[in-house]
């Protein structure tokens, strides 16, 4: 009996094996080489783009990879579960950093601020742990149930923060907004500050009609400011203008924000009047050129003309974006007089320039 049941069992097993090989043969029919299993699609590493110290906070900014490990499947941010920020106060080889570093914080993606394609997080540090200390940071995350590889490792040497500026003042003159403040002298440990690298200026604009609301402050100086003074000429948008200043110790370390100052801007002031209007005659035309108006809210120029016998000027060219114009509608032995104006983005028109005369 045992042999009978054993034979039946073997027969069933043989049929299962034959059926399995048959299915695999059908699937791989026409393919050359041995049977290959599809590789696992895994989340790839985050890239830490920058680390800055702002006051007592270390700010880390990073970006996610566009694709998963197959370089085809797009990464879905909705499937990112936890983000782990690791750190060490000692240098560790990259291959061992994941095991020998410490977990600083574990967060959800909603805890991070998004700025374009970057994610930012500010992590507070104790004051005693900031004075000329070196910290190495790396990040990993879970995607569904799968863990990513470790990001690149980024180093920052922290400094004792400078006291934030507290006497920022604002003066408005037509389209110009002037900011003034005093040079900070102490750090948060009440010790004298020896070196200051410069300042950064931050601004946000809230639309007067609440149709536009720029929630975040944006740094508006391209180069660091070296003196305790700044002029903002980029004021062509109507709105409430908010400003603060931050002191730079070195490039990636700066103080907390100063007191915030604000003013209401309603642009009723025109751009500068074009200067140095010049004309000369070429074949079939009178060519005009003038000095470029430097106002940031300049939109275009207008060209006016009248004959010697006319009393009023006539607009002959509108919305000219270059500081030159060719008047081809001229007649021989006629005397022409020209003047030019500039117009800003709100439609405010400047006064007319000096005139030029040409007899064609």
Protein backbone atom coordinates (compact mmCIF):
# COMPACT_ATOMS: atom_id res chain seq x y z
CA UNK A 1 0.00 0.00 0.00
CA UNK A 2 2.79 2.35 0.85
CA UNK A 3 4.43 1.79 -2.55
CA UNK A 4 1.11 2.39 -4.29
CA UNK A 5 0.52 5.74 -2.57
CA UNK A 6 4.16 6.70 -3.04
CA UNK A 7 3.86 6.02 -6.79
CA UNK A 8 0.70 8.13 -7.03
CA UNK A 9 2.45 10.96 -5.14
CA UNK A 10 5.46 10.78 -7.49
CA UNK A 11 3.16 10.83 -10.49
CA UNK A 12 1.43 13.98 -9.24
CA UNK A 13 4.75 15.69 -8.54
CA UNK A 14 6.01 14.78 -12.01
CA UNK A 15 2.90 16.25 -13.63
CA UNK A 16 3.37 19.51 -11.66
CA UNK A 17 7.03 19.76 -12.73
CA UNK A 18 6.18 19.05 -16.38
CA UNK A 19 3.41 21.66 -16.33
CA UNK A 20 5.74 24.26 -14.72
CA UNK A 21 8.47 23.71 -17.31
CA UNK A 22 5.87 23.88 -20.08
CA UNK A 23 4.61 27.28 -18.86
CA UNK A 24 8.19 28.61 -18.56
CA UNK A 25 8.96 27.27 -22.05
CA UNK A 26 5.94 29.08 -23.53
CA UNK A 27 6.84 32.35 -21.74
CA UNK A 28 10.48 32.23 -22.83
CA UNK A 29 9.88 30.78 -26.30
CA UNK A 30 12.15 32.53 -28.79
CA UNK A 31 14.41 34.04 -26.10
CA UNK A 32 18.08 33.17 -26.13
CA UNK A 33 20.15 32.39 -23.07
CA UNK A 34 19.19 31.20 -19.59
CA UNK A 35 16.04 32.26 -17.76
CA UNK A 36 16.50 35.64 -16.02
CA UNK A 37 14.54 37.02 -13.07
CA UNK A 38 13.42 40.67 -13.18
CA UNK A 39 15.53 42.87 -10.82
CA UNK A 40 13.85 44.60 -7.88
CA UNK A 41 12.93 48.25 -8.44
CA UNK A 42 14.28 50.15 -5.44
CA UNK A 43 14.27 53.80 -4.28
CA UNK A 44 17.51 55.60 -5.11
CA UNK A 45 19.38 58.05 -2.92
CA UNK A 46 18.46 61.60 -1.98
CA UNK A 47 20.89 64.38 -2.88
CA UNK A 48 21.74 66.90 -0.13
CA UNK A 49 22.31 70.14 -2.02
CA UNK A 50 23.28 72.44 0.83
CA UNK A 51 23.62 72.84 4.59
CA UNK A 52 23.44 76.25 6.26
CA UNK A 53 23.40 77.52 9.82
CA UNK A 54 20.77 80.18 10.58
CA UNK A 55 21.02 81.34 14.16
CA UNK A 56 20.81 78.23 16.34
CA UNK A 57 19.29 76.14 13.53
CA UNK A 58 21.00 73.92 10.99
CA UNK A 59 19.06 74.11 7.69
CA UNK A 60 19.34 71.14 5.35
CA UNK A 61 18.05 71.32 1.76
CA UNK A 62 17.79 68.26 -0.48
CA UNK A 63 16.08 66.88 -3.55
CA UNK A 64 14.58 63.49 -4.35
CA UNK A 65 15.70 61.49 -7.38
CA UNK A 66 13.43 61.71 -10.40
CA UNK A 67 13.36 57.95 -11.03
CA UNK A 68 13.64 54.68 -9.14
CA UNK A 69 16.53 52.26 -9.67
CA UNK A 70 15.29 51.12 -13.12
CA UNK A 71 15.78 54.72 -14.39
CA UNK A 72 12.29 54.56 -15.89
CA UNK A 73 9.73 54.52 -13.10
CA UNK A 74 9.00 58.01 -11.72
CA UNK A 75 9.36 58.44 -7.97
CA UNK A 76 5.94 59.13 -6.38
CA UNK A 77 6.31 61.48 -3.39
CA UNK A 78 3.01 60.18 -2.00
CA UNK A 79 4.74 56.85 -1.34
CA UNK A 80 7.56 58.42 0.71
CA UNK A 81 6.89 57.40 4.32
CA UNK A 82 9.66 58.35 6.72
CA UNK A 83 12.77 60.47 6.25
CA UNK A 84 15.74 59.75 8.51
CA UNK A 85 18.40 62.43 9.11
CA UNK A 86 21.66 60.94 10.36
CA UNK A 87 24.64 62.83 11.75
CA UNK A 88 28.06 62.41 13.30
CA UNK A 89 30.53 64.78 14.94
CA UNK A 90 33.38 62.61 13.64
CA UNK A 91 34.39 61.74 10.11
CA UNK A 92 33.18 58.26 9.11
CA UNK A 93 33.95 56.46 5.81
CA UNK A 94 30.91 56.65 3.53
CA UNK A 95 30.49 52.87 3.47
CA UNK A 96 30.15 52.74 7.26
CA UNK A 97 28.25 55.99 7.85
CA UNK A 98 24.82 54.35 7.88
CA UNK A 99 25.80 52.04 10.77
CA UNK A 100 28.13 54.23 12.83
CA UNK A 101 26.29 57.57 12.63
CA UNK A 102 23.45 58.61 14.97
CA UNK A 103 19.80 59.21 14.12
CA UNK A 104 19.18 62.94 14.65
CA UNK A 105 15.51 63.05 13.72
CA UNK A 106 12.81 60.99 11.93
CA UNK A 107 10.11 62.96 10.11
CA UNK A 108 7.23 62.76 7.65
CA UNK A 109 7.47 64.63 4.35
CA UNK A 110 4.80 67.11 5.49
CA UNK A 111 7.26 68.42 8.11
CA UNK A 112 9.48 69.84 5.37
CA UNK A 113 9.15 73.16 3.59
CA UNK A 114 9.15 72.89 -0.20
CA UNK A 115 10.91 75.47 -2.36
CA UNK A 116 10.73 74.69 -6.07
CA UNK A 117 12.25 71.18 -6.36
CA UNK A 118 14.02 71.36 -2.99
CA UNK A 119 12.85 70.30 0.47
CA UNK A 120 14.10 72.22 3.52
CA UNK A 121 14.16 71.50 7.23
CA UNK A 122 15.53 73.61 10.11
CA UNK A 123 16.84 71.61 13.06
CA UNK A 124 17.54 73.46 16.33
CA UNK A 125 20.87 72.88 18.11
CA UNK A 126 21.92 73.76 21.64
CA UNK A 127 24.09 76.86 21.82
CA UNK A 128 26.99 75.01 23.47
CA UNK A 129 27.08 72.56 20.56
CA UNK A 130 27.63 75.23 17.89
CA UNK A 131 30.96 76.88 18.70
CA UNK A 132 33.41 75.70 15.99
CA UNK A 133 31.94 72.19 15.80
CA UNK A 134 32.02 69.90 12.77
CA UNK A 135 28.95 67.89 11.83
CA UNK A 136 28.48 65.37 9.03
CA UNK A 137 24.94 64.76 7.75
CA UNK A 138 23.26 62.17 5.52
CA UNK A 139 19.65 61.23 4.74
CA UNK A 140 17.75 58.08 3.83
CA UNK A 141 14.03 57.38 3.44
CA UNK A 142 11.47 54.61 3.12
CA UNK A 143 9.44 54.27 -0.06
CA UNK A 144 6.46 52.04 0.56
CA UNK A 145 8.12 49.19 2.45
CA UNK A 146 11.51 49.60 0.81
CA UNK A 147 14.47 51.55 2.18
CA UNK A 148 16.61 53.83 0.03
CA UNK A 149 20.37 53.86 -0.04
CA UNK A 150 22.14 56.57 1.93
CA UNK A 151 22.47 60.07 0.45
CA UNK A 152 25.73 61.90 -0.09
CA UNK A 153 27.43 63.03 3.13
CA UNK A 154 27.61 66.79 3.76
CA UNK A 155 29.84 68.64 6.25
CA UNK A 156 29.24 71.92 8.07
CA UNK A 157 31.41 73.69 10.65
CA UNK A 158 29.07 75.63 12.93
CA UNK A 159 29.74 78.92 14.74
CA UNK A 160 28.30 80.70 17.77
CA UNK A 161 25.42 82.78 16.33
CA UNK A 162 25.51 86.57 16.22
CA UNK A 163 22.71 88.50 17.91
CA UNK A 164 20.08 89.39 15.30
CA UNK A 165 19.77 93.02 14.20
CA UNK A 166 17.01 94.82 16.12
CA UNK A 167 17.02 98.37 14.74
CA UNK A 168 16.21 97.93 11.04
CA UNK A 169 14.57 101.13 9.69
CA UNK A 170 12.83 101.91 6.40
CA UNK A 171 12.55 105.16 4.44
CA UNK A 172 10.46 105.45 1.26
CA UNK A 173 11.26 108.04 -1.42
CA UNK A 174 9.03 107.83 -4.50
CA UNK A 175 9.88 104.43 -6.06
CA UNK A 176 12.95 103.98 -3.87
CA UNK A 177 12.90 102.11 -0.52
CA UNK A 178 15.94 102.65 1.72
CA UNK A 179 16.90 100.30 4.54
CA UNK A 180 19.30 101.19 7.37
CA UNK A 181 20.54 99.30 10.45
CA UNK A 182 23.41 99.14 12.95
CA UNK A 183 26.33 96.72 12.82
CA UNK A 184 25.89 93.93 15.42
CA UNK A 185 28.62 93.77 18.06
CA UNK A 186 27.82 90.71 20.21
CA UNK A 187 27.09 87.03 19.73
CA UNK A 188 24.55 85.02 21.73
CA UNK A 189 27.17 84.35 24.42
CA UNK A 190 27.55 88.14 24.83
CA UNK A 191 31.08 88.01 23.46
CA UNK A 192 32.38 90.62 21.02
CA UNK A 193 32.03 89.75 17.36
CA UNK A 194 35.35 89.96 15.53
CA UNK A 195 34.44 89.42 11.90
CA UNK A 196 31.30 89.99 9.86
CA UNK A 197 31.29 88.96 6.20
CA UNK A 198 28.26 91.03 5.15
CA UNK A 199 24.46 91.01 5.08
CA UNK A 200 21.55 89.45 3.19
CA UNK A 201 18.27 91.29 2.50
CA UNK A 202 14.98 89.38 2.43
CA UNK A 203 11.64 90.64 1.13
CA UNK A 204 8.08 89.47 0.56
CA UNK A 205 5.20 91.26 -1.17
CA UNK A 206 1.54 90.89 -0.29
CA UNK A 207 -0.80 92.20 -2.96
CA UNK A 208 -3.04 95.09 -1.91
CA UNK A 209 -6.09 93.29 -3.33
CA UNK A 210 -5.12 89.94 -1.78
CA UNK A 211 -4.98 88.34 -5.24
CA UNK A 212 -1.26 87.67 -4.90
CA UNK A 213 0.34 86.46 -1.69
CA UNK A 214 4.01 85.57 -1.70
CA UNK A 215 4.10 83.59 1.54
CA UNK A 216 7.85 83.26 1.87
CA UNK A 217 10.57 85.85 2.14
CA UNK A 218 13.03 85.80 -0.77
CA UNK A 219 16.64 87.00 -0.73
CA UNK A 220 16.79 89.97 -3.12
CA UNK A 221 20.51 90.87 -3.11
CA UNK A 222 22.66 89.06 -5.67
CA UNK A 223 25.94 89.89 -3.94
CA UNK A 224 26.31 90.16 -0.17
CA UNK A 225 25.81 93.67 1.21
CA UNK A 226 28.99 95.06 2.78
CA UNK A 227 27.57 98.11 4.55
CA UNK A 228 24.61 98.79 6.85
CA UNK A 229 22.55 100.29 4.04
CA UNK A 230 20.50 99.02 1.09
CA UNK A 231 18.31 100.61 -1.61
CA UNK A 232 15.50 98.60 -3.19
CA UNK A 233 14.64 99.99 -6.62
CA UNK A 234 12.64 96.94 -7.71
CA UNK A 235 9.29 98.31 -6.51
CA UNK A 236 7.13 98.17 -9.64
CA UNK A 237 4.48 95.89 -8.09
CA UNK A 238 1.77 97.48 -5.93
CA UNK A 239 1.54 95.84 -2.52
CA UNK A 240 2.70 95.67 1.09
CA UNK A 241 6.47 95.26 1.18
CA UNK A 242 8.03 93.41 4.14
CA UNK A 243 11.80 93.33 4.79
CA UNK A 244 14.31 91.81 7.19
CA UNK A 245 18.12 91.62 7.29
CA UNK A 246 20.40 88.74 8.29
CA UNK A 247 24.09 89.05 9.24
CA UNK A 248 26.53 86.75 7.43
CA UNK A 249 29.43 85.29 9.44
CA UNK A 250 30.72 83.18 6.57
CA UNK A 251 28.98 82.11 3.37
CA UNK A 252 26.77 79.36 4.82
CA UNK A 253 26.36 80.75 8.36
CA UNK A 254 24.16 83.72 9.20
CA UNK A 255 22.16 85.17 12.07
CA UNK A 256 18.45 84.90 12.73
CA UNK A 257 16.28 87.50 11.01
CA UNK A 258 16.19 91.10 12.20
CA UNK A 259 13.02 92.93 13.14
CA UNK A 260 10.63 93.12 10.19
CA UNK A 261 9.77 96.49 8.64
CA UNK A 262 7.05 97.15 6.08
CA UNK A 263 5.61 99.83 3.83
CA UNK A 264 2.73 100.13 1.40
CA UNK A 265 3.70 100.71 -2.24
CA UNK A 266 1.25 102.22 -4.68
CA UNK A 267 3.10 103.03 -7.87
CA UNK A 268 1.95 106.41 -9.12
CA UNK A 269 5.45 107.55 -10.04
CA UNK A 270 6.67 107.36 -13.64
CA UNK A 271 10.01 106.05 -14.81
CA UNK A 272 12.93 108.34 -15.53
CA UNK A 273 12.77 110.63 -18.55
CA UNK A 274 14.89 109.33 -21.45
CA UNK A 275 18.07 111.37 -21.94
CA UNK A 276 20.61 112.01 -24.70
CA UNK A 277 18.12 111.81 -27.58
CA UNK A 278 20.07 111.87 -30.85
CA UNK A 279 18.92 111.78 -34.49
CA UNK A 280 20.58 111.37 -37.86
CA UNK A 281 19.49 110.82 -41.44
CA UNK A 282 20.08 107.62 -43.37
CA UNK A 283 18.66 106.44 -46.68
CA UNK A 284 14.88 106.56 -46.57
CA UNK A 285 14.60 107.23 -42.82
CA UNK A 286 15.45 109.32 -39.78
CA UNK A 287 17.11 107.21 -37.10
CA UNK A 288 16.60 108.04 -33.40
CA UNK A 289 18.50 106.72 -30.40
CA UNK A 290 18.54 107.67 -26.70
CA UNK A 291 19.98 106.63 -23.36
CA UNK A 292 18.47 103.47 -21.86
CA UNK A 293 16.22 104.07 -18.84
CA UNK A 294 17.47 101.96 -15.89
CA UNK A 295 14.23 101.66 -13.87
CA UNK A 296 13.47 97.98 -13.16
CA UNK A 297 9.76 98.48 -13.85
CA UNK A 298 10.38 100.02 -17.28
CA UNK A 299 7.96 98.50 -19.79
CA UNK A 300 8.51 100.38 -23.08
CA UNK A 301 9.12 103.72 -24.82
CA UNK A 302 6.94 106.08 -26.85
CA UNK A 303 8.10 108.26 -29.74
CA UNK A 304 6.37 111.55 -30.58
CA UNK A 305 6.80 113.72 -33.69
CA UNK A 306 5.58 117.01 -35.11
CA UNK A 307 6.35 119.11 -38.13
CA UNK A 308 7.98 122.49 -37.70
CA UNK A 309 4.64 124.10 -38.52
CA UNK A 310 2.61 121.98 -36.04
CA UNK A 311 1.84 123.04 -32.48
CA UNK A 312 1.19 119.59 -30.94
CA UNK A 313 3.16 116.36 -30.99
CA UNK A 314 1.61 113.17 -32.39
CA UNK A 315 2.38 109.68 -31.07
CA UNK A 316 3.97 107.81 -33.98
CA UNK A 317 5.40 104.75 -32.19
CA UNK A 318 4.17 102.96 -29.07
CA UNK A 319 5.48 100.02 -27.01
CA UNK A 320 9.04 100.31 -28.32
CA UNK A 321 11.19 97.93 -26.27
CA UNK A 322 14.58 99.12 -27.57
CA UNK A 323 16.14 102.53 -27.04
CA UNK A 324 16.09 103.31 -30.76
CA UNK A 325 13.57 103.89 -33.55
CA UNK A 326 13.58 104.22 -37.35
CA UNK A 327 11.09 106.73 -38.77
CA UNK A 328 10.54 105.68 -42.39
CA UNK A 329 7.44 107.80 -42.97
CA UNK A 330 9.30 110.99 -43.86
CA UNK A 331 9.15 113.33 -46.86
CA UNK A 332 11.86 115.36 -48.52
CA UNK A 333 12.37 119.00 -47.54
CA UNK A 334 10.22 118.55 -44.41
CA UNK A 335 11.44 119.62 -40.96
CA UNK A 336 10.69 117.07 -38.21
CA UNK A 337 10.89 117.47 -34.42
CA UNK A 338 11.02 114.43 -32.10
CA UNK A 339 10.70 113.67 -28.39
CA UNK A 340 10.60 110.37 -26.41
CA UNK A 341 9.02 109.15 -23.16
CA UNK A 342 9.28 105.97 -21.07
CA UNK A 343 6.37 104.00 -19.57
CA UNK A 344 6.44 101.64 -16.57
CA UNK A 345 4.54 98.39 -15.95
CA UNK A 346 1.68 100.30 -14.29
CA UNK A 347 1.25 102.61 -17.29
CA UNK A 348 2.89 105.65 -15.66
CA UNK A 349 4.48 107.77 -18.38
CA UNK A 350 7.55 109.93 -17.87
CA UNK A 351 7.95 113.52 -18.92
CA UNK A 352 9.04 114.10 -22.51
CA UNK A 353 12.71 114.14 -23.31
CA UNK A 354 14.55 117.05 -24.87
CA UNK A 355 13.73 117.50 -28.55
CA UNK A 356 15.78 116.92 -31.69
CA UNK A 357 15.20 118.45 -35.17
CA UNK A 358 15.97 117.03 -38.57
CA UNK A 359 15.27 118.33 -42.12
CA UNK A 360 14.95 115.36 -44.41
